[in-house]
Amino acid sequence: MVTILGTGNMARGIGTRLLAAGADVTLLGTQAAKAEALAAELRGAASGGAAVKSGVVGDPIADEIIVLAVPYAAAGSLLQRYATQLGGRTVVDITNPLNATYDGLVTPPGSSAAEELAHVVPEATLVKAFNTTFAQTLVAGQVAGQPLDVFLAGDDAAAKARLAQLVQAGGMRPIDAGPLQRARQLEALGLLHITLQSTLGTGFASAVKILP
């Protein structure tokens, strides 16, 4: 059901939530052994018979939802590699386009990582999500007893609704943040959340939460 491009900590966290939602997951990484090791780890989190497979970047993608769980600097070239396969599919961009000193964003004024990546694969549907959630909190799906809020920005309502269903089934709360242009604000929020970690001493275990 979902292919995750990447085998790092965010792939682990998002994969855990997707499997808790009962979704089949395929992990594609640059190293086959690392991808299989993560797949083996995640199989223990599978729910309702959900399956986990692994492979390498370059393998064909069969799933309709693709999670781009790599750094922003690597995202564009990876999408170019798969461009001919992504028409009509949903690409979930989780990146925060941070500069080398982690105190600013590298995207052009009036744009976002998600909007820039949408230009690379214009026949795909881009949804921004998970960029304000930290990897270790995704493994648990909650912080301080509260389910994680996952903000979704995109121009395709159906694509956002499908992703929102998976987010909710994985024990989190999806929040529709509006069109893809709202990724600009979400990425700024992601930057703020990251830079506050040293100030607050929260060790990347905090969450951005909207309370009623």
C-alpha atoms as a PDB file:
ATOM      1  CA  MET A   1       0.000   0.000   0.000  1.00  0.00           C
ATOM      2  CA  VAL A   2       2.828   2.436   0.886  1.00  0.00           C
ATOM      3  CA  THR A   3       6.431   2.607  -0.297  1.00  0.00           C
ATOM      4  CA  ILE A   4       8.899   4.456   1.914  1.00  0.00           C
ATOM      5  CA  LEU A   5      11.998   5.772   0.157  1.00  0.00           C
ATOM      6  CA  GLY A   6      14.619   5.828   2.884  1.00  0.00           C
ATOM      7  CA  THR A   7      15.681   3.631   5.783  1.00  0.00           C
ATOM      8  CA  GLY A   8      16.598   6.145   8.480  1.00  0.00           C
ATOM      9  CA  ASN A   9      14.920   7.152  11.716  1.00  0.00           C
ATOM     10  CA  MET A  10      11.965   8.870  10.060  1.00  0.00           C
ATOM     11  CA  ALA A  11      11.378   5.803   7.901  1.00  0.00           C
ATOM     12  CA  ARG A  12      11.327   3.747  11.103  1.00  0.00           C
ATOM     13  CA  GLY A  13       8.869   6.082  12.813  1.00  0.00           C
ATOM     14  CA  ILE A  14       6.484   6.498   9.893  1.00  0.00           C
ATOM     15  CA  GLY A  15       6.735   2.806   9.051  1.00  0.00           C
ATOM     16  CA  THR A  16       5.771   1.924  12.621  1.00  0.00           C
ATOM     17  CA  ARG A  17       2.647   4.107  12.429  1.00  0.00           C
ATOM     18  CA  LEU A  18       1.651   2.791   8.990  1.00  0.00           C
ATOM     19  CA  LEU A  19       1.967  -0.794  10.158  1.00  0.00           C
ATOM     20  CA  ALA A  20      -0.073   0.018  13.255  1.00  0.00           C
ATOM     21  CA  ALA A  21      -2.700   1.268  10.797  1.00  0.00           C
ATOM     22  CA  GLY A  22      -2.680  -2.120   9.067  1.00  0.00           C
ATOM     23  CA  ALA A  23      -0.994  -0.871   5.893  1.00  0.00           C
ATOM     24  CA  ASP A  24       1.492  -2.961   3.947  1.00  0.00           C
ATOM     25  CA  VAL A  25       4.871  -1.209   3.696  1.00  0.00           C
ATOM     26  CA  THR A  26       7.779  -1.523   1.285  1.00  0.00           C
ATOM     27  CA  LEU A  27      11.111  -0.002   2.316  1.00  0.00           C
ATOM     28  CA  LEU A  28      13.578   1.005  -0.391  1.00  0.00           C
ATOM     29  CA  GLY A  29      17.072   2.139   0.583  1.00  0.00           C
ATOM     30  CA  THR A  30      20.509   2.545  -0.924  1.00  0.00           C
ATOM     31  CA  GLN A  31      21.767  -0.515   0.966  1.00  0.00           C
ATOM     32  CA  ALA A  32      19.800  -3.746   0.695  1.00  0.00           C
ATOM     33  CA  ALA A  33      21.077  -5.078   4.026  1.00  0.00           C
ATOM     34  CA  LYS A  34      20.063  -1.930   5.913  1.00  0.00           C
ATOM     35  CA  ALA A  35      16.616  -1.929   4.319  1.00  0.00           C
ATOM     36  CA  GLU A  36      16.051  -5.561   5.249  1.00  0.00           C
ATOM     37  CA  ALA A  37      17.295  -4.988   8.793  1.00  0.00           C
ATOM     38  CA  LEU A  38      14.755  -2.198   9.279  1.00  0.00           C
ATOM     39  CA  ALA A  39      12.035  -4.315   7.671  1.00  0.00           C
ATOM     40  CA  ALA A  40      12.791  -7.150  10.072  1.00  0.00           C
ATOM     41  CA  GLU A  41      12.634  -4.722  13.013  1.00  0.00           C
ATOM     42  CA  LEU A  42       9.304  -3.313  11.877  1.00  0.00           C
ATOM     43  CA  ARG A  43       7.623  -6.656  11.330  1.00  0.00           C
ATOM     44  CA  GLY A  44       7.147  -6.816  15.083  1.00  0.00           C
ATOM     45  CA  ALA A  45       4.981  -3.672  14.842  1.00  0.00           C
ATOM     46  CA  ALA A  46       2.740  -4.986  12.075  1.00  0.00           C
ATOM     47  CA  SER A  47      -0.987  -5.046  12.801  1.00  0.00           C
ATOM     48  CA  GLY A  48      -3.774  -7.107  11.281  1.00  0.00           C
ATOM     49  CA  GLY A  49      -1.519  -9.095   9.012  1.00  0.00           C
ATOM     50  CA  ALA A  50       0.205  -6.064   7.466  1.00  0.00           C
ATOM     51  CA  ALA A  51       3.351  -7.036   5.566  1.00  0.00           C
ATOM     52  CA  VAL A  52       6.773  -5.388   5.371  1.00  0.00           C
ATOM     53  CA  LYS A  53       9.031  -5.836   2.347  1.00  0.00           C
ATOM     54  CA  SER A  54      12.412  -4.360   1.520  1.00  0.00           C
ATOM     55  CA  GLY A  55      14.445  -3.556  -1.555  1.00  0.00           C
ATOM     56  CA  VAL A  56      16.853  -1.039  -3.004  1.00  0.00           C
ATOM     57  CA  VAL A  57      16.382   2.341  -4.612  1.00  0.00           C
ATOM     58  CA  GLY A  58      15.864   1.677  -8.294  1.00  0.00           C
ATOM     59  CA  ASP A  59      13.444  -1.191  -7.751  1.00  0.00           C
ATOM     60  CA  PRO A  60      10.079  -0.509  -9.396  1.00  0.00           C
ATOM     61  CA  ILE A  61       7.369   1.043  -7.232  1.00  0.00           C
ATOM     62  CA  ALA A  62       3.967  -0.645  -7.197  1.00  0.00           C
ATOM     63  CA  ASP A  63       2.254   1.312  -4.412  1.00  0.00           C
ATOM     64  CA  GLU A  64      -0.024   4.319  -4.838  1.00  0.00           C
ATOM     65  CA  ILE A  65       1.459   6.256  -1.898  1.00  0.00           C
ATOM     66  CA  ILE A  66       5.171   7.011  -1.721  1.00  0.00           C
ATOM     67  CA  VAL A  67       6.736   8.568   1.371  1.00  0.00           C
ATOM     68  CA  LEU A  68       9.879  10.557   0.648  1.00  0.00           C
ATOM     69  CA  ALA A  69      11.839   9.894   3.859  1.00  0.00           C
ATOM     70  CA  VAL A  70      15.203  11.301   2.810  1.00  0.00           C
ATOM     71  CA  PRO A  71      16.922  14.653   3.409  1.00  0.00           C
ATOM     72  CA  TYR A  72      15.745  17.498   1.200  1.00  0.00           C
ATOM     73  CA  ALA A  73      19.147  17.682  -0.523  1.00  0.00           C
ATOM     74  CA  ALA A  74      18.630  14.145  -1.845  1.00  0.00           C
ATOM     75  CA  ALA A  75      14.914  14.357  -2.559  1.00  0.00           C
ATOM     76  CA  GLY A  76      14.941  16.018  -5.972  1.00  0.00           C
ATOM     77  CA  SER A  77      17.346  13.600  -7.634  1.00  0.00           C
ATOM     78  CA  LEU A  78      15.518  10.643  -6.121  1.00  0.00           C
ATOM     79  CA  LEU A  79      12.205  11.857  -7.524  1.00  0.00           C
ATOM     80  CA  GLN A  80      13.808  12.424 -10.918  1.00  0.00           C
ATOM     81  CA  ARG A  81      14.948   8.813 -10.886  1.00  0.00           C
ATOM     82  CA  TYR A  82      11.360   7.641 -10.392  1.00  0.00           C
ATOM     83  CA  ALA A  83       9.598  10.391 -12.354  1.00  0.00           C
ATOM     84  CA  THR A  84       8.233   8.122 -15.073  1.00  0.00           C
ATOM     85  CA  GLN A  85       6.624   5.833 -12.477  1.00  0.00           C
ATOM     86  CA  LEU A  86       4.950   8.465 -10.314  1.00  0.00           C
ATOM     87  CA  GLY A  87       2.226   9.775 -12.584  1.00  0.00           C
ATOM     88  CA  GLY A  88      -1.126   9.719 -10.780  1.00  0.00           C
ATOM     89  CA  ARG A  89       0.434   8.626  -7.493  1.00  0.00           C
ATOM     90  CA  THR A  90       0.694  10.446  -4.188  1.00  0.00           C
ATOM     91  CA  VAL A  91       4.134  11.530  -3.006  1.00  0.00           C
ATOM     92  CA  VAL A  92       4.343  12.479   0.670  1.00  0.00           C
ATOM     93  CA  ASP A  93       7.111  15.005   1.319  1.00  0.00           C
ATOM     94  CA  ILE A  94       8.285  14.959   4.938  1.00  0.00           C
ATOM     95  CA  THR A  95      11.410  17.067   4.458  1.00  0.00           C
ATOM     96  CA  ASN A  96      12.529  20.197   6.246  1.00  0.00           C
ATOM     97  CA  PRO A  97      14.811  22.123   3.836  1.00  0.00           C
ATOM     98  CA  LEU A  98      17.367  23.204   6.445  1.00  0.00           C
ATOM     99  CA  ASN A  99      20.606  25.015   5.705  1.00  0.00           C
ATOM    100  CA  ALA A 100      23.991  23.670   6.813  1.00  0.00           C
ATOM    101  CA  THR A 101      23.817  25.416  10.179  1.00  0.00           C
ATOM    102  CA  TYR A 102      20.218  24.364  10.906  1.00  0.00           C
ATOM    103  CA  ASP A 103      19.119  27.939  11.517  1.00  0.00           C
ATOM    104  CA  GLY A 104      17.348  28.716   8.253  1.00  0.00           C
ATOM    105  CA  LEU A 105      15.673  27.302   5.180  1.00  0.00           C
ATOM    106  CA  VAL A 106      17.263  26.923   1.752  1.00  0.00           C
ATOM    107  CA  THR A 107      14.113  27.223  -0.339  1.00  0.00           C
ATOM    108  CA  PRO A 108      13.540  30.326  -2.507  1.00  0.00           C
ATOM    109  CA  PRO A 109      11.402  33.143  -1.086  1.00  0.00           C
ATOM    110  CA  GLY A 110       7.714  32.460  -1.629  1.00  0.00           C
ATOM    111  CA  SER A 111       8.177  28.718  -2.032  1.00  0.00           C
ATOM    112  CA  SER A 112       8.649  25.519  -0.043  1.00  0.00           C
ATOM    113  CA  ALA A 113      10.386  22.181  -0.350  1.00  0.00           C
ATOM    114  CA  ALA A 114       7.082  20.561  -1.241  1.00  0.00           C
ATOM    115  CA  GLU A 115       6.338  23.082  -3.984  1.00  0.00           C
ATOM    116  CA  GLU A 116       9.853  22.775  -5.415  1.00  0.00           C
ATOM    117  CA  LEU A 117       9.592  18.970  -5.452  1.00  0.00           C
ATOM    118  CA  ALA A 118       6.169  19.172  -7.106  1.00  0.00           C
ATOM    119  CA  HIS A 119       7.885  20.801 -10.086  1.00  0.00           C
ATOM    120  CA  VAL A 120      10.161  17.748 -10.394  1.00  0.00           C
ATOM    121  CA  VAL A 121       7.229  15.325 -10.719  1.00  0.00           C
ATOM    122  CA  PRO A 122       4.329  17.415 -12.087  1.00  0.00           C
ATOM    123  CA  GLU A 123       2.246  14.341 -12.910  1.00  0.00           C
ATOM    124  CA  ALA A 124       2.289  13.165  -9.286  1.00  0.00           C
ATOM    125  CA  THR A 125       0.277  14.569  -6.394  1.00  0.00           C
ATOM    126  CA  LEU A 126       2.389  16.094  -3.614  1.00  0.00           C
ATOM    127  CA  VAL A 127       1.224  16.149   0.013  1.00  0.00           C
ATOM    128  CA  LYS A 128       3.276  17.708   2.793  1.00  0.00           C
ATOM    129  CA  ALA A 129       3.110  15.768   6.058  1.00  0.00           C
ATOM    130  CA  PHE A 130       5.130  14.573   9.068  1.00  0.00           C
ATOM    131  CA  ASN A 131       7.710  17.386   8.891  1.00  0.00           C
ATOM    132  CA  THR A 132       6.743  18.686  12.352  1.00  0.00           C
ATOM    133  CA  THR A 133       6.878  15.244  14.012  1.00  0.00           C
ATOM    134  CA  PHE A 134      10.132  13.801  15.318  1.00  0.00           C
ATOM    135  CA  ALA A 135      11.171  10.220  14.609  1.00  0.00           C
ATOM    136  CA  GLN A 136      11.183   8.902  18.172  1.00  0.00           C
ATOM    137  CA  THR A 137       7.729  10.342  18.867  1.00  0.00           C
ATOM    138  CA  LEU A 138       6.371   8.628  15.762  1.00  0.00           C
ATOM    139  CA  VAL A 139       7.471   5.254  17.062  1.00  0.00           C
ATOM    140  CA  ALA A 140       5.222   5.783  20.076  1.00  0.00           C
ATOM    141  CA  GLY A 141       2.590   7.790  18.178  1.00  0.00           C
ATOM    142  CA  GLN A 142       2.096  10.114  21.132  1.00  0.00           C
ATOM    143  CA  VAL A 143       3.778  12.482  23.564  1.00  0.00           C
ATOM    144  CA  ALA A 144       2.674  12.843  27.196  1.00  0.00           C
ATOM    145  CA  GLY A 145      -0.393  10.720  26.528  1.00  0.00           C
ATOM    146  CA  GLN A 146      -1.542  12.910  23.641  1.00  0.00           C
ATOM    147  CA  PRO A 147      -1.723  11.556  20.071  1.00  0.00           C
ATOM    148  CA  LEU A 148       0.559  13.286  17.608  1.00  0.00           C
ATOM    149  CA  ASP A 149      -0.922  15.952  15.350  1.00  0.00           C
ATOM    150  CA  VAL A 150       0.056  15.402  11.714  1.00  0.00           C
ATOM    151  CA  PHE A 151      -0.478  18.455   9.522  1.00  0.00           C
ATOM    152  CA  LEU A 152      -1.347  17.758   5.884  1.00  0.00           C
ATOM    153  CA  ALA A 153      -0.974  20.315   3.094  1.00  0.00           C
ATOM    154  CA  GLY A 154      -1.894  19.560  -0.506  1.00  0.00           C
ATOM    155  CA  ASP A 155      -4.033  20.587  -3.438  1.00  0.00           C
ATOM    156  CA  ASP A 156      -5.730  17.210  -3.958  1.00  0.00           C
ATOM    157  CA  ALA A 157      -8.485  16.623  -1.407  1.00  0.00           C
ATOM    158  CA  ALA A 158      -8.772  12.911  -2.185  1.00  0.00           C
ATOM    159  CA  ALA A 159      -5.043  12.325  -1.717  1.00  0.00           C
ATOM    160  CA  LYS A 160      -5.099  14.150   1.615  1.00  0.00           C
ATOM    161  CA  ALA A 161      -8.150  12.165   2.704  1.00  0.00           C
ATOM    162  CA  ARG A 162      -6.451   8.825   1.929  1.00  0.00           C
ATOM    163  CA  LEU A 163      -3.371   9.842   3.887  1.00  0.00           C
ATOM    164  CA  ALA A 164      -5.513  11.201   6.729  1.00  0.00           C
ATOM    165  CA  GLN A 165      -7.223   7.819   7.039  1.00  0.00           C
ATOM    166  CA  LEU A 166      -3.859   6.110   7.467  1.00  0.00           C
ATOM    167  CA  VAL A 167      -2.701   8.735   9.975  1.00  0.00           C
ATOM    168  CA  GLN A 168      -5.832   8.266  12.051  1.00  0.00           C
ATOM    169  CA  ALA A 169      -5.737   4.477  11.838  1.00  0.00           C
ATOM    170  CA  GLY A 170      -2.137   4.673  13.060  1.00  0.00           C
ATOM    171  CA  GLY A 171      -3.280   6.346  16.276  1.00  0.00           C
ATOM    172  CA  MET A 172      -2.534   9.965  15.391  1.00  0.00           C
ATOM    173  CA  ARG A 173      -4.655  13.012  14.587  1.00  0.00           C
ATOM    174  CA  PRO A 174      -4.605  14.307  11.002  1.00  0.00           C
ATOM    175  CA  ILE A 175      -5.129  18.043  10.553  1.00  0.00           C
ATOM    176  CA  ASP A 176      -5.841  19.477   7.105  1.00  0.00           C
ATOM    177  CA  ALA A 177      -3.630  22.560   6.890  1.00  0.00           C
ATOM    178  CA  GLY A 178      -4.912  23.621   3.482  1.00  0.00           C
ATOM    179  CA  PRO A 179      -3.352  23.751  -0.005  1.00  0.00           C
ATOM    180  CA  LEU A 180       0.227  22.783  -0.825  1.00  0.00           C
ATOM    181  CA  GLN A 181       1.226  26.431  -0.438  1.00  0.00           C
ATOM    182  CA  ARG A 182       0.718  25.993   3.310  1.00  0.00           C
ATOM    183  CA  ALA A 183       3.844  23.819   3.278  1.00  0.00           C
ATOM    184  CA  ARG A 184       5.730  27.122   3.555  1.00  0.00           C
ATOM    185  CA  GLN A 185       4.316  27.697   7.022  1.00  0.00           C
ATOM    186  CA  LEU A 186       4.658  24.036   8.009  1.00  0.00           C
ATOM    187  CA  GLU A 187       8.335  24.034   7.069  1.00  0.00           C
ATOM    188  CA  ALA A 188       8.880  27.243   9.052  1.00  0.00           C
ATOM    189  CA  LEU A 189       7.133  25.547  11.989  1.00  0.00           C
ATOM    190  CA  GLY A 190       9.358  22.509  11.531  1.00  0.00           C
ATOM    191  CA  LEU A 191      12.431  24.733  11.663  1.00  0.00           C
ATOM    192  CA  LEU A 192      11.174  26.443  14.825  1.00  0.00           C
ATOM    193  CA  HIS A 193      10.421  23.113  16.492  1.00  0.00           C
ATOM    194  CA  ILE A 194      13.919  21.874  15.698  1.00  0.00           C
ATOM    195  CA  THR A 195      15.708  25.016  16.904  1.00  0.00           C
ATOM    196  CA  LEU A 196      13.766  24.997  20.190  1.00  0.00           C
ATOM    197  CA  GLN A 197      15.106  21.588  21.168  1.00  0.00           C
ATOM    198  CA  SER A 198      18.332  22.971  22.623  1.00  0.00           C
ATOM    199  CA  THR A 199      16.501  25.848  24.289  1.00  0.00           C
ATOM    200  CA  LEU A 200      13.937  23.605  25.950  1.00  0.00           C
ATOM    201  CA  GLY A 201      16.188  20.586  26.437  1.00  0.00           C
ATOM    202  CA  THR A 202      13.485  18.281  25.068  1.00  0.00           C
ATOM    203  CA  GLY A 203      15.864  16.057  23.099  1.00  0.00           C
ATOM    204  CA  PHE A 204      13.647  15.768  20.023  1.00  0.00           C
ATOM    205  CA  ALA A 205      10.948  14.121  22.118  1.00  0.00           C
ATOM    206  CA  SER A 206       8.462  17.015  21.997  1.00  0.00           C
ATOM    207  CA  ALA A 207       5.457  17.536  19.758  1.00  0.00           C
ATOM    208  CA  VAL A 208       3.583  20.411  18.156  1.00  0.00           C
ATOM    209  CA  LYS A 209       0.002  20.045  19.386  1.00  0.00           C
ATOM    210  CA  ILE A 210      -3.186  22.015  18.725  1.00  0.00           C
ATOM    211  CA  LEU A 211      -5.432  21.904  21.768  1.00  0.00           C
ATOM    212  CA  PRO A 212      -9.125  22.903  21.759  1.00  0.00           C
END
